[in-house]
């Protein structure tokens, strides 16, 4: 970890040599381990004046917005509780609100986030909580106090999720000054990611390139072609992020991949027609629905019908947009590209994006793809070994079952996810790392949304190819999500009592009654996720 003196020297150097500072930032890699939450809280306590009151210690930050797209300030929240029975708990409310938004922003699913927040709320002494967490917003109130509606979005930043989860557990198990906890939380949020943007770009390129071999069982030629196509998608992504075009990112990336893929396929790396789905699938790997499918079915099972259905529908629309974007882009350089497969016919019938993939059994190289996948999710190298111990054995067993073909595909999906979730939950019990950080990289490699995008393309081809056999992409999408959710739910059901059903005996008196109350709240929390 850098000292303040080192940071000051870097800042002075950046002002003198801005070009060199930009290069250093692009190639930056933080090799150090994460500082423990206990140490961060101790440092925050020493930095604050012990003699000042809580509000005076927090005064410099009270007029700052909560962040994550929320313009509400901490002072405005405190004013909501002025002259009420909750006046002394205003800072605790701010802490819970910021923790809730941060957990969702950094990758925790709504069900597990609510279970953890209930434990934090109980430890802070906030009465009668009401939580309603969603993919884009959350609603929260305490007792008869005001209702807080916050904006959020679900992403995955492993480095910060690990620290946020550790902070939540520490607050749930110990008495913590809310001002100290808020200072630590602000530091985690404002801390730069462990890798510079160019390092992150390179890792995404490697993930998508290796996907041709590890995820889609392609050939080395497929990997070479995917490596040529992927940079165009990633550069389009960077352009959208810098120009504030996030809502158009998926469509523009699909368009660009549709434009570039036929050029690479026809003039640079010639592969059979049935290998083309591997090329565009690898280039668009990071956009294929994965977590939406699993969390959607998982949340529906646990009572969050609205949130779960919204995620499944979002996955369906995502597949449609990708299919339409690919087809539009394909018309630029892919006109009549499939003329050899249409018996010499030209026009629309020979200008559709290839959707039928070959049955390939190429080399399975999960290790390098997993390594780059962890890095692309902003996981520090020091944190990787444990996650490798979850994802790699699970993928090995899954691929073995696929190769042997002894079970139906959906059963194999459920078994693979069951194994991964059990290992991830065991890891969570051992070092308290959220199980999702080990499961999601496996989901990325399995690419469950790829068949559904192919089904969308097949449906579009049916208008010009009457004999085209197309699977129902909605049924296929929902079944895949349900299969993964079954394995996930079975494993979590066995581990939930251990991971979430009790608090540590270090709590103060009355713990047993509180644990019983918390367990009842946790057991019924899923039904509260959806409006009655």
Protein backbone atom coordinates (compact mmCIF):
# COMPACT_ATOMS: atom_id res chain seq x y z
CA UNK A 1 0.00 0.00 0.00
CA UNK A 2 1.25 3.50 -0.85
CA UNK A 3 2.10 5.94 1.92
CA UNK A 4 0.86 9.57 1.86
CA UNK A 5 4.42 10.73 1.08
CA UNK A 6 4.62 8.42 -1.93
CA UNK A 7 1.20 9.57 -3.13
CA UNK A 8 2.29 13.21 -2.79
CA UNK A 9 5.44 12.53 -4.83
CA UNK A 10 3.37 10.85 -7.52
CA UNK A 11 0.96 13.78 -7.58
CA UNK A 12 3.83 16.27 -8.01
CA UNK A 13 5.33 14.14 -10.78
CA UNK A 14 1.97 13.94 -12.55
CA UNK A 15 1.63 17.73 -12.57
CA UNK A 16 5.12 18.14 -14.04
CA UNK A 17 4.85 15.34 -16.62
CA UNK A 18 1.16 14.78 -17.51
CA UNK A 19 1.89 12.54 -20.51
CA UNK A 20 4.11 10.23 -18.48
CA UNK A 21 1.54 10.19 -15.69
CA UNK A 22 -1.16 9.12 -18.16
CA UNK A 23 1.03 6.27 -19.41
CA UNK A 24 1.77 5.12 -15.87
CA UNK A 25 -1.91 5.19 -15.02
CA UNK A 26 -2.80 3.13 -18.11
CA UNK A 27 -0.27 0.41 -17.17
CA UNK A 28 -0.81 0.59 -13.41
CA UNK A 29 -0.96 -2.69 -11.46
CA UNK A 30 -1.48 -2.75 -7.69
CA UNK A 31 0.48 -5.82 -6.56
CA UNK A 32 -0.16 -5.30 -2.85
CA UNK A 33 -2.74 -7.19 -0.79
CA UNK A 34 -5.89 -5.56 0.47
CA UNK A 35 -5.70 -3.90 3.88
CA UNK A 36 -7.94 -5.56 6.46
CA UNK A 37 -11.12 -3.78 7.50
CA UNK A 38 -9.99 -3.87 11.13
CA UNK A 39 -6.83 -1.95 10.23
CA UNK A 40 -8.81 0.55 8.13
CA UNK A 41 -11.22 1.21 11.01
CA UNK A 42 -8.30 1.61 13.43
CA UNK A 43 -6.62 4.12 11.11
CA UNK A 44 -9.90 6.01 10.63
CA UNK A 45 -10.39 6.25 14.38
CA UNK A 46 -6.90 7.65 14.92
CA UNK A 47 -7.33 10.21 12.15
CA UNK A 48 -10.47 11.67 13.70
CA UNK A 49 -10.43 13.89 16.79
CA UNK A 50 -11.75 11.83 19.68
CA UNK A 51 -13.04 14.87 21.50
CA UNK A 52 -15.30 16.10 18.74
CA UNK A 53 -18.89 15.00 18.44
CA UNK A 54 -19.95 12.56 15.76
CA UNK A 55 -21.59 15.20 13.56
CA UNK A 56 -18.63 17.56 13.80
CA UNK A 57 -16.27 14.75 12.82
CA UNK A 58 -18.43 14.05 9.78
CA UNK A 59 -19.04 17.73 8.96
CA UNK A 60 -16.60 18.03 5.99
CA UNK A 61 -18.48 15.30 4.08
CA UNK A 62 -22.09 16.11 4.97
CA UNK A 63 -22.67 18.23 1.86
CA UNK A 64 -21.29 15.63 -0.55
CA UNK A 65 -23.74 13.57 -2.60
CA UNK A 66 -24.16 9.92 -1.70
CA UNK A 67 -22.89 8.98 -5.15
CA UNK A 68 -23.75 6.11 -7.52
CA UNK A 69 -26.15 8.38 -9.38
CA UNK A 70 -27.80 9.76 -6.21
CA UNK A 71 -27.61 13.53 -5.69
CA UNK A 72 -29.07 13.41 -2.18
CA UNK A 73 -26.57 14.61 0.43
CA UNK A 74 -25.91 13.24 3.90
CA UNK A 75 -27.05 16.52 5.47
CA UNK A 76 -30.43 16.24 3.74
CA UNK A 77 -30.88 12.75 5.17
CA UNK A 78 -30.00 13.96 8.66
CA UNK A 79 -32.57 16.75 8.32
CA UNK A 80 -35.26 14.15 7.58
CA UNK A 81 -34.69 12.70 11.06
CA UNK A 82 -34.28 16.00 12.94
CA UNK A 83 -36.55 16.33 16.00
CA UNK A 84 -37.66 12.69 15.69
CA UNK A 85 -37.06 9.60 17.79
CA UNK A 86 -34.43 8.51 15.22
CA UNK A 87 -32.38 11.72 15.38
CA UNK A 88 -29.43 9.99 17.07
CA UNK A 89 -29.50 7.24 14.43
CA UNK A 90 -29.17 9.51 11.40
CA UNK A 91 -25.55 8.56 10.69
CA UNK A 92 -26.43 4.87 11.03
CA UNK A 93 -29.15 5.32 8.39
CA UNK A 94 -26.64 6.98 6.05
CA UNK A 95 -24.23 4.10 6.62
CA UNK A 96 -26.83 1.45 5.80
CA UNK A 97 -28.00 3.29 2.66
CA UNK A 98 -24.48 3.64 1.31
CA UNK A 99 -23.65 0.02 2.14
CA UNK A 100 -26.78 -1.18 0.35
CA UNK A 101 -26.06 0.75 -2.83
CA UNK A 102 -22.37 -0.20 -2.78
CA UNK A 103 -23.08 -3.92 -2.39
CA UNK A 104 -25.39 -3.95 -5.40
CA UNK A 105 -23.05 -1.77 -7.46
CA UNK A 106 -20.11 -4.06 -6.79
CA UNK A 107 -21.83 -7.36 -7.61
CA UNK A 108 -23.84 -8.83 -4.73
CA UNK A 109 -27.24 -10.27 -5.63
CA UNK A 110 -30.32 -8.76 -3.97
CA UNK A 111 -31.23 -11.80 -1.87
CA UNK A 112 -27.82 -12.17 -0.19
CA UNK A 113 -27.43 -8.39 0.06
CA UNK A 114 -30.66 -8.15 2.03
CA UNK A 115 -29.63 -10.93 4.39
CA UNK A 116 -26.37 -9.16 5.15
CA UNK A 117 -28.03 -5.74 5.51
CA UNK A 118 -30.52 -7.13 8.03
CA UNK A 119 -27.63 -8.22 10.23
CA UNK A 120 -25.97 -4.80 9.89
CA UNK A 121 -29.23 -3.00 10.69
CA UNK A 122 -29.78 -5.15 13.78
CA UNK A 123 -26.24 -4.49 15.03
CA UNK A 124 -26.70 -0.71 14.57
CA UNK A 125 -29.97 -0.79 16.53
CA UNK A 126 -32.26 0.50 13.76
CA UNK A 127 -35.83 -0.68 14.42
CA UNK A 128 -38.34 -2.37 12.10
CA UNK A 129 -36.47 -2.23 8.78
CA UNK A 130 -38.25 -2.52 5.45
CA UNK A 131 -36.05 -3.35 2.45
CA UNK A 132 -36.92 -3.69 -1.21
CA UNK A 133 -33.80 -4.16 -3.32
CA UNK A 134 -33.90 -4.18 -7.11
CA UNK A 135 -31.53 -4.19 -10.05
CA UNK A 136 -31.94 -0.43 -10.70
CA UNK A 137 -33.29 0.99 -7.44
CA UNK A 138 -33.76 0.19 -3.78
CA UNK A 139 -36.33 1.27 -1.24
CA UNK A 140 -35.63 1.38 2.48
CA UNK A 141 -37.31 2.66 5.65
CA UNK A 142 -36.97 2.19 9.40
CA UNK A 143 -39.88 2.17 11.80
CA UNK A 144 -42.21 5.06 11.03
CA UNK A 145 -39.44 7.12 9.46
CA UNK A 146 -39.23 8.43 5.89
CA UNK A 147 -38.92 6.11 2.90
CA UNK A 148 -35.61 6.34 1.04
CA UNK A 149 -35.56 5.60 -2.70
CA UNK A 150 -32.04 5.20 -4.09
CA UNK A 151 -30.71 4.65 -7.61
CA UNK A 152 -28.28 1.83 -8.29
CA UNK A 153 -27.04 -0.50 -11.00
CA UNK A 154 -25.63 -4.01 -10.75
CA UNK A 155 -22.02 -4.49 -11.81
CA UNK A 156 -19.13 -6.62 -10.55
CA UNK A 157 -15.93 -5.15 -9.06
CA UNK A 158 -14.39 -7.95 -7.02
CA UNK A 159 -11.72 -5.89 -5.27
CA UNK A 160 -14.27 -3.51 -3.75
CA UNK A 161 -16.96 -6.15 -3.17
CA UNK A 162 -14.55 -8.10 -0.95
CA UNK A 163 -13.90 -5.04 1.24
CA UNK A 164 -17.55 -3.96 1.35
CA UNK A 165 -18.59 -7.49 2.41
CA UNK A 166 -15.85 -7.59 5.05
CA UNK A 167 -16.99 -4.21 6.40
CA UNK A 168 -20.61 -5.41 6.60
CA UNK A 169 -19.60 -8.54 8.50
CA UNK A 170 -17.46 -6.54 10.92
CA UNK A 171 -20.30 -4.12 11.64
CA UNK A 172 -22.73 -7.02 12.10
CA UNK A 173 -20.47 -8.75 14.62
CA UNK A 174 -18.99 -5.79 16.52
CA UNK A 175 -19.91 -2.41 17.91
CA UNK A 176 -18.61 0.12 15.40
CA UNK A 177 -18.64 3.91 15.42
CA UNK A 178 -20.75 4.87 12.35
CA UNK A 179 -18.45 7.82 11.59
CA UNK A 180 -15.41 5.53 11.44
CA UNK A 181 -17.34 3.05 9.30
CA UNK A 182 -18.46 5.80 6.92
CA UNK A 183 -14.88 7.03 6.55
CA UNK A 184 -13.72 3.50 5.69
CA UNK A 185 -16.62 3.06 3.27
CA UNK A 186 -15.79 6.36 1.54
CA UNK A 187 -12.19 5.24 1.21
CA UNK A 188 -13.20 1.95 -0.41
CA UNK A 189 -15.53 3.70 -2.86
CA UNK A 190 -13.00 6.38 -3.83
CA UNK A 191 -10.04 4.00 -4.04
CA UNK A 192 -8.79 3.43 -7.61
CA UNK A 193 -9.20 -0.01 -9.13
CA UNK A 194 -6.15 -2.29 -8.90
CA UNK A 195 -5.45 -2.16 -12.66
CA UNK A 196 -5.09 0.69 -15.13
CA UNK A 197 -7.45 0.99 -18.07
CA UNK A 198 -4.99 -0.41 -20.63
CA UNK A 199 -4.23 -3.45 -18.45
CA UNK A 200 -7.96 -4.00 -18.07
CA UNK A 201 -8.42 -3.63 -21.84
CA UNK A 202 -5.71 -6.24 -22.49
CA UNK A 203 -7.30 -8.70 -20.06
CA UNK A 204 -10.70 -8.34 -21.71
CA UNK A 205 -9.02 -9.00 -25.06
CA UNK A 206 -7.44 -12.17 -23.66
CA UNK A 207 -10.71 -13.35 -22.10
CA UNK A 208 -12.62 -13.02 -25.37
CA UNK A 209 -9.83 -14.57 -27.42
CA UNK A 210 -9.42 -17.59 -25.14
CA UNK A 211 -13.21 -18.03 -25.16
CA UNK A 212 -12.97 -19.44 -28.69
CA UNK A 213 -11.10 -22.42 -27.21
CA UNK A 214 -12.28 -22.67 -23.61
CA UNK A 215 -15.94 -21.62 -23.89
CA UNK A 216 -16.92 -22.62 -27.44
CA UNK A 217 -14.54 -25.59 -28.08
CA UNK A 218 -13.17 -23.98 -31.21
CA UNK A 219 -9.82 -24.25 -32.93
CA UNK A 220 -6.64 -22.19 -32.80
CA UNK A 221 -7.72 -20.54 -36.06
CA UNK A 222 -10.95 -19.50 -34.35
CA UNK A 223 -8.94 -18.01 -31.51
CA UNK A 224 -6.75 -16.06 -33.94
CA UNK A 225 -9.81 -14.67 -35.73
CA UNK A 226 -11.49 -13.78 -32.43
CA UNK A 227 -8.33 -11.96 -31.31
CA UNK A 228 -8.58 -9.77 -34.43
CA UNK A 229 -12.30 -8.99 -34.02
CA UNK A 230 -12.42 -8.37 -30.27
CA UNK A 231 -10.38 -5.11 -30.18
CA UNK A 232 -12.99 -3.40 -32.36
CA UNK A 233 -15.73 -4.33 -29.87
CA UNK A 234 -13.62 -3.20 -26.92
CA UNK A 235 -12.69 0.10 -28.56
CA UNK A 236 -16.37 0.73 -29.25
CA UNK A 237 -17.04 -0.01 -25.58
CA UNK A 238 -14.38 2.50 -24.51
CA UNK A 239 -15.85 5.11 -26.85
CA UNK A 240 -19.34 4.64 -25.40
CA UNK A 241 -18.03 4.84 -21.82
CA UNK A 242 -16.10 8.05 -22.47
CA UNK A 243 -18.87 9.75 -24.47
CA UNK A 244 -21.72 8.87 -22.12
CA UNK A 245 -23.38 6.47 -24.59
CA UNK A 246 -23.84 3.58 -22.15
CA UNK A 247 -27.41 2.99 -23.36
CA UNK A 248 -26.14 2.39 -26.90
CA UNK A 249 -23.10 0.32 -25.97
CA UNK A 250 -24.62 -3.12 -26.58
CA UNK A 251 -26.15 -2.16 -29.93
CA UNK A 252 -23.05 -0.35 -31.22
CA UNK A 253 -20.73 -3.19 -30.20
CA UNK A 254 -23.00 -5.72 -31.92
CA UNK A 255 -23.03 -3.55 -35.05
CA UNK A 256 -19.24 -3.24 -35.10
CA UNK A 257 -18.73 -6.99 -34.59
CA UNK A 258 -21.24 -7.64 -37.38
CA UNK A 259 -19.22 -5.36 -39.68
CA UNK A 260 -15.76 -6.72 -38.83
CA UNK A 261 -16.48 -10.46 -38.56
CA UNK A 262 -17.15 -11.13 -42.29
CA UNK A 263 -13.99 -9.19 -43.21
CA UNK A 264 -11.82 -11.34 -40.96
CA UNK A 265 -13.61 -14.54 -41.95
CA UNK A 266 -13.53 -14.00 -45.72
CA UNK A 267 -10.14 -12.34 -46.21
CA UNK A 268 -7.83 -13.08 -43.26
CA UNK A 269 -8.65 -16.30 -41.37
CA UNK A 270 -10.72 -18.66 -43.46
CA UNK A 271 -12.71 -21.13 -41.36
CA UNK A 272 -15.79 -23.22 -42.21
CA UNK A 273 -19.14 -21.44 -42.13
CA UNK A 274 -20.21 -23.26 -38.97
CA UNK A 275 -17.25 -21.72 -37.10
CA UNK A 276 -18.50 -18.15 -37.63
CA UNK A 277 -20.81 -18.24 -34.54
CA UNK A 278 -17.69 -18.88 -32.47
CA UNK A 279 -16.09 -15.73 -33.87
CA UNK A 280 -18.91 -13.30 -33.08
CA UNK A 281 -19.72 -15.17 -29.85
CA UNK A 282 -16.16 -14.73 -28.58
CA UNK A 283 -16.02 -11.04 -29.52
CA UNK A 284 -19.31 -10.39 -27.69
CA UNK A 285 -18.65 -12.73 -24.75
CA UNK A 286 -18.83 -10.00 -22.10
CA UNK A 287 -22.31 -9.02 -23.32
CA UNK A 288 -23.84 -12.51 -23.40
CA UNK A 289 -26.50 -12.93 -20.68
CA UNK A 290 -25.14 -14.94 -17.79
CA UNK A 291 -25.74 -13.60 -14.31
CA UNK A 292 -29.15 -12.25 -15.40
CA UNK A 293 -30.29 -15.80 -16.18
CA UNK A 294 -29.07 -17.34 -12.96
CA UNK A 295 -30.00 -14.53 -10.58
CA UNK A 296 -33.34 -14.07 -12.36
CA UNK A 297 -34.49 -17.64 -11.78
CA UNK A 298 -32.83 -17.70 -8.34
CA UNK A 299 -34.64 -14.59 -7.12
CA UNK A 300 -38.00 -15.79 -8.46
CA UNK A 301 -37.53 -19.01 -6.51
CA UNK A 302 -36.88 -17.03 -3.32
CA UNK A 303 -39.95 -14.84 -3.74
CA UNK A 304 -38.53 -11.84 -5.59
CA UNK A 305 -40.85 -12.29 -8.55
CA UNK A 306 -40.59 -8.76 -9.95
CA UNK A 307 -36.79 -8.53 -9.70
CA UNK A 308 -36.29 -12.03 -11.07
CA UNK A 309 -38.71 -11.61 -13.97
CA UNK A 310 -37.15 -8.25 -14.82
CA UNK A 311 -33.70 -9.83 -15.07
CA UNK A 312 -34.95 -12.70 -17.23
CA UNK A 313 -36.74 -10.26 -19.52
CA UNK A 314 -33.60 -8.10 -19.66
CA UNK A 315 -31.64 -11.17 -20.76
CA UNK A 316 -34.19 -11.88 -23.49
CA UNK A 317 -34.11 -8.31 -24.82
CA UNK A 318 -30.31 -8.32 -24.67
CA UNK A 319 -30.22 -11.40 -26.92
CA UNK A 320 -32.63 -9.76 -29.37
CA UNK A 321 -30.62 -6.54 -29.55
CA UNK A 322 -27.42 -8.50 -30.15
CA UNK A 323 -29.07 -10.51 -32.92
CA UNK A 324 -30.48 -7.44 -34.65
CA UNK A 325 -27.21 -5.48 -34.28
CA UNK A 326 -25.15 -8.35 -35.71
CA UNK A 327 -27.50 -8.72 -38.67
CA UNK A 328 -27.49 -5.02 -39.52
CA UNK A 329 -23.71 -4.81 -39.30
CA UNK A 330 -23.33 -8.00 -41.36
CA UNK A 331 -24.95 -6.32 -44.37
CA UNK A 332 -21.94 -3.99 -44.83
CA UNK A 333 -19.34 -6.62 -45.78
CA UNK A 334 -21.27 -9.86 -45.40
CA UNK A 335 -23.59 -9.51 -48.40
CA UNK A 336 -23.80 -12.88 -50.19
CA UNK A 337 -21.10 -14.24 -47.87
CA UNK A 338 -22.94 -17.56 -47.48
CA UNK A 339 -23.55 -18.07 -51.21
CA UNK A 340 -21.70 -21.39 -51.15
CA UNK A 341 -24.12 -22.74 -48.54
CA UNK A 342 -27.25 -21.58 -50.42
CA UNK A 343 -26.58 -23.38 -53.73
CA UNK A 344 -25.62 -20.17 -55.51
CA UNK A 345 -28.60 -18.12 -54.36
CA UNK A 346 -27.90 -14.45 -53.67
CA UNK A 347 -29.66 -11.73 -51.75
CA UNK A 348 -31.12 -11.94 -48.24
CA UNK A 349 -30.88 -15.72 -48.02
CA UNK A 350 -27.07 -15.56 -48.43
CA UNK A 351 -26.63 -12.44 -46.29
CA UNK A 352 -27.76 -13.64 -42.87
CA UNK A 353 -25.43 -14.05 -39.90
CA UNK A 354 -24.47 -17.74 -39.56
CA UNK A 355 -26.17 -19.20 -36.49
CA UNK A 356 -25.60 -22.97 -36.76
CA UNK A 357 -22.38 -23.97 -34.99
CA UNK A 358 -20.36 -27.12 -35.56
CA UNK A 359 -20.25 -29.85 -32.93
CA UNK A 360 -16.66 -29.34 -31.85
CA UNK A 361 -14.55 -31.03 -29.21
CA UNK A 362 -11.43 -28.88 -29.37
CA UNK A 363 -8.88 -28.29 -26.60
CA UNK A 364 -10.25 -27.24 -23.24
CA UNK A 365 -7.95 -24.53 -21.88
CA UNK A 366 -9.76 -23.04 -18.91
CA UNK A 367 -6.74 -22.00 -16.84
CA UNK A 368 -5.51 -19.02 -18.93
CA UNK A 369 -9.06 -17.82 -19.56
CA UNK A 370 -9.89 -18.01 -15.85
CA UNK A 371 -6.75 -16.04 -14.97
CA UNK A 372 -7.61 -13.21 -17.35
CA UNK A 373 -11.27 -13.40 -16.34
CA UNK A 374 -10.36 -12.79 -12.69
CA UNK A 375 -8.14 -9.88 -13.68
CA UNK A 376 -10.86 -8.37 -15.90
CA UNK A 377 -13.22 -8.44 -12.89
CA UNK A 378 -10.64 -6.39 -10.94
CA UNK A 379 -9.54 -9.19 -8.64
CA UNK A 380 -6.10 -8.73 -7.13
CA UNK A 381 -3.57 -11.44 -7.88
CA UNK A 382 -3.23 -12.11 -4.13
CA UNK A 383 -6.95 -13.02 -3.98
CA UNK A 384 -6.99 -15.38 -6.97
CA UNK A 385 -5.77 -18.66 -5.54
CA UNK A 386 -8.91 -19.38 -3.53
CA UNK A 387 -11.19 -18.54 -6.42
CA UNK A 388 -9.16 -20.79 -8.71
CA UNK A 389 -9.81 -23.59 -6.22
CA UNK A 390 -13.54 -23.13 -6.78
CA UNK A 391 -13.86 -22.37 -10.48
CA UNK A 392 -11.25 -24.66 -12.01
CA UNK A 393 -12.37 -27.99 -10.44
CA UNK A 394 -16.01 -27.10 -11.17
CA UNK A 395 -15.24 -26.38 -14.82
CA UNK A 396 -13.16 -29.54 -15.08
CA UNK A 397 -16.04 -31.70 -13.86
CA UNK A 398 -18.54 -29.83 -16.03
CA UNK A 399 -16.43 -30.23 -19.18
CA UNK A 400 -15.88 -33.92 -18.39
CA UNK A 401 -19.64 -34.46 -18.10
CA UNK A 402 -20.19 -32.62 -21.39
CA UNK A 403 -17.57 -34.72 -23.17
CA UNK A 404 -18.94 -38.01 -21.81
CA UNK A 405 -22.54 -37.04 -22.59
CA UNK A 406 -23.96 -39.23 -19.84
CA UNK A 407 -26.62 -36.69 -18.74
CA UNK A 408 -29.00 -34.32 -20.53
CA UNK A 409 -27.58 -30.84 -21.09
CA UNK A 410 -29.72 -29.07 -18.51
CA UNK A 411 -28.92 -31.70 -15.88
CA UNK A 412 -25.21 -31.19 -16.57
CA UNK A 413 -25.70 -27.42 -16.14
CA UNK A 414 -27.36 -27.96 -12.76
CA UNK A 415 -24.64 -30.38 -11.59
CA UNK A 416 -21.84 -28.00 -12.60
CA UNK A 417 -23.44 -25.07 -10.80
CA UNK A 418 -24.18 -27.25 -7.74
CA UNK A 419 -20.51 -28.20 -7.44
CA UNK A 420 -19.29 -24.63 -7.95
CA UNK A 421 -21.73 -23.20 -5.40
CA UNK A 422 -20.80 -25.78 -2.78
CA UNK A 423 -17.11 -25.01 -3.20
CA UNK A 424 -17.81 -21.27 -3.22
CA UNK A 425 -19.92 -21.50 -0.05
CA UNK A 426 -17.22 -23.54 1.67
CA UNK A 427 -14.73 -20.82 0.72
CA UNK A 428 -17.12 -18.20 2.12
CA UNK A 429 -17.20 -20.02 5.45
CA UNK A 430 -13.42 -20.25 5.50
CA UNK A 431 -12.29 -16.77 4.49
CA UNK A 432 -15.65 -14.92 4.27
CA UNK A 433 -15.26 -14.09 0.56
CA UNK A 434 -18.70 -13.88 -1.15
CA UNK A 435 -19.36 -17.05 -3.13
CA UNK A 436 -20.45 -15.06 -6.20
CA UNK A 437 -16.89 -13.91 -6.95
CA UNK A 438 -15.91 -17.52 -7.66
CA UNK A 439 -19.12 -18.56 -9.41
CA UNK A 440 -19.52 -15.67 -11.86
CA UNK A 441 -16.22 -16.29 -13.73
CA UNK A 442 -17.39 -19.86 -14.28
CA UNK A 443 -20.69 -18.55 -15.65
CA UNK A 444 -18.81 -16.26 -18.04
CA UNK A 445 -16.89 -19.24 -19.44
CA UNK A 446 -20.05 -21.34 -19.79
CA UNK A 447 -21.60 -18.50 -21.86
CA UNK A 448 -25.23 -19.58 -21.29
CA UNK A 449 -26.63 -16.79 -23.48
CA UNK A 450 -24.81 -17.89 -26.65
CA UNK A 451 -27.41 -20.51 -27.76
CA UNK A 452 -30.18 -17.97 -27.24
CA UNK A 453 -28.52 -15.38 -29.49
CA UNK A 454 -28.12 -18.11 -32.10
CA UNK A 455 -31.83 -18.88 -31.74
CA UNK A 456 -32.65 -15.21 -32.30
CA UNK A 457 -30.56 -15.24 -35.49
CA UNK A 458 -32.25 -18.47 -36.55
CA UNK A 459 -35.67 -16.89 -36.06
CA UNK A 460 -34.62 -13.99 -38.28
CA UNK A 461 -33.45 -16.45 -40.94
CA UNK A 462 -36.77 -18.27 -40.93
CA UNK A 463 -38.34 -15.42 -42.92
CA UNK A 464 -36.07 -16.20 -45.89
CA UNK A 465 -35.37 -19.90 -45.21
CA UNK A 466 -38.76 -21.59 -44.68
CA UNK A 467 -37.23 -24.95 -43.74
CA UNK A 468 -34.99 -23.46 -41.03
CA UNK A 469 -35.48 -25.28 -37.72
CA UNK A 470 -35.44 -22.85 -34.83
CA UNK A 471 -35.67 -23.54 -31.14
CA UNK A 472 -37.83 -21.28 -29.01
CA UNK A 473 -35.18 -18.90 -27.72
CA UNK A 474 -37.31 -17.76 -24.78
CA UNK A 475 -37.86 -21.33 -23.62
CA UNK A 476 -34.19 -22.15 -24.15
CA UNK A 477 -33.11 -19.03 -22.26
CA UNK A 478 -35.45 -19.60 -19.32
CA UNK A 479 -34.60 -23.31 -19.07
CA UNK A 480 -30.90 -22.59 -18.95
CA UNK A 481 -31.41 -20.02 -16.22
CA UNK A 482 -33.63 -22.42 -14.28
CA UNK A 483 -31.11 -25.26 -14.59
CA UNK A 484 -28.30 -23.11 -13.19
CA UNK A 485 -30.62 -21.72 -10.50
CA UNK A 486 -31.58 -25.24 -9.36
CA UNK A 487 -27.94 -26.14 -8.74
CA UNK A 488 -27.32 -22.76 -7.10
CA UNK A 489 -30.37 -22.98 -4.84
CA UNK A 490 -29.73 -26.57 -3.71
CA UNK A 491 -26.19 -25.74 -2.65
CA UNK A 492 -27.03 -22.39 -1.03
CA UNK A 493 -29.95 -23.95 0.80
CA UNK A 494 -27.57 -26.34 2.54
CA UNK A 495 -25.04 -23.64 3.41
CA UNK A 496 -27.35 -20.72 4.19
CA UNK A 497 -27.93 -21.63 7.84
CA UNK A 498 -24.16 -21.65 8.34
CA UNK A 499 -23.33 -18.53 6.33
CA UNK A 500 -26.27 -16.26 7.14
CA UNK A 501 -28.36 -17.75 9.94
CA UNK A 502 -26.31 -16.77 12.97
CA UNK A 503 -24.16 -13.97 14.34
CA UNK A 504 -20.94 -14.29 16.26
CA UNK A 505 -21.00 -14.83 20.02
CA UNK A 506 -18.88 -11.69 20.37
CA UNK A 507 -22.06 -9.58 20.25
CA UNK A 508 -23.39 -8.00 23.42
CA UNK A 509 -26.02 -9.40 25.77
CA UNK A 510 -29.34 -10.43 24.27
CA UNK A 511 -27.60 -12.02 21.34
CA UNK A 512 -29.58 -15.24 21.41
CA UNK A 513 -32.91 -13.42 21.16
CA UNK A 514 -31.51 -11.20 18.44
CA UNK A 515 -30.21 -14.20 16.50
CA UNK A 516 -33.61 -15.82 16.64
CA UNK A 517 -35.30 -12.63 15.44
CA UNK A 518 -32.73 -12.18 12.68
CA UNK A 519 -33.15 -15.76 11.50
CA UNK A 520 -36.90 -15.25 11.26
CA UNK A 521 -36.37 -12.00 9.34
CA UNK A 522 -33.89 -13.71 7.00
CA UNK A 523 -36.22 -16.60 6.37
CA UNK A 524 -39.07 -14.29 5.41
CA UNK A 525 -37.02 -11.61 3.70
CA UNK A 526 -37.42 -13.16 0.28
CA UNK A 527 -41.17 -12.69 0.39
CA UNK A 528 -40.66 -9.02 1.22
CA UNK A 529 -38.54 -8.51 -1.86
CA UNK A 530 -41.65 -8.40 -4.05
CA UNK A 531 -44.60 -6.10 -3.32
CA UNK A 532 -47.64 -7.80 -1.87
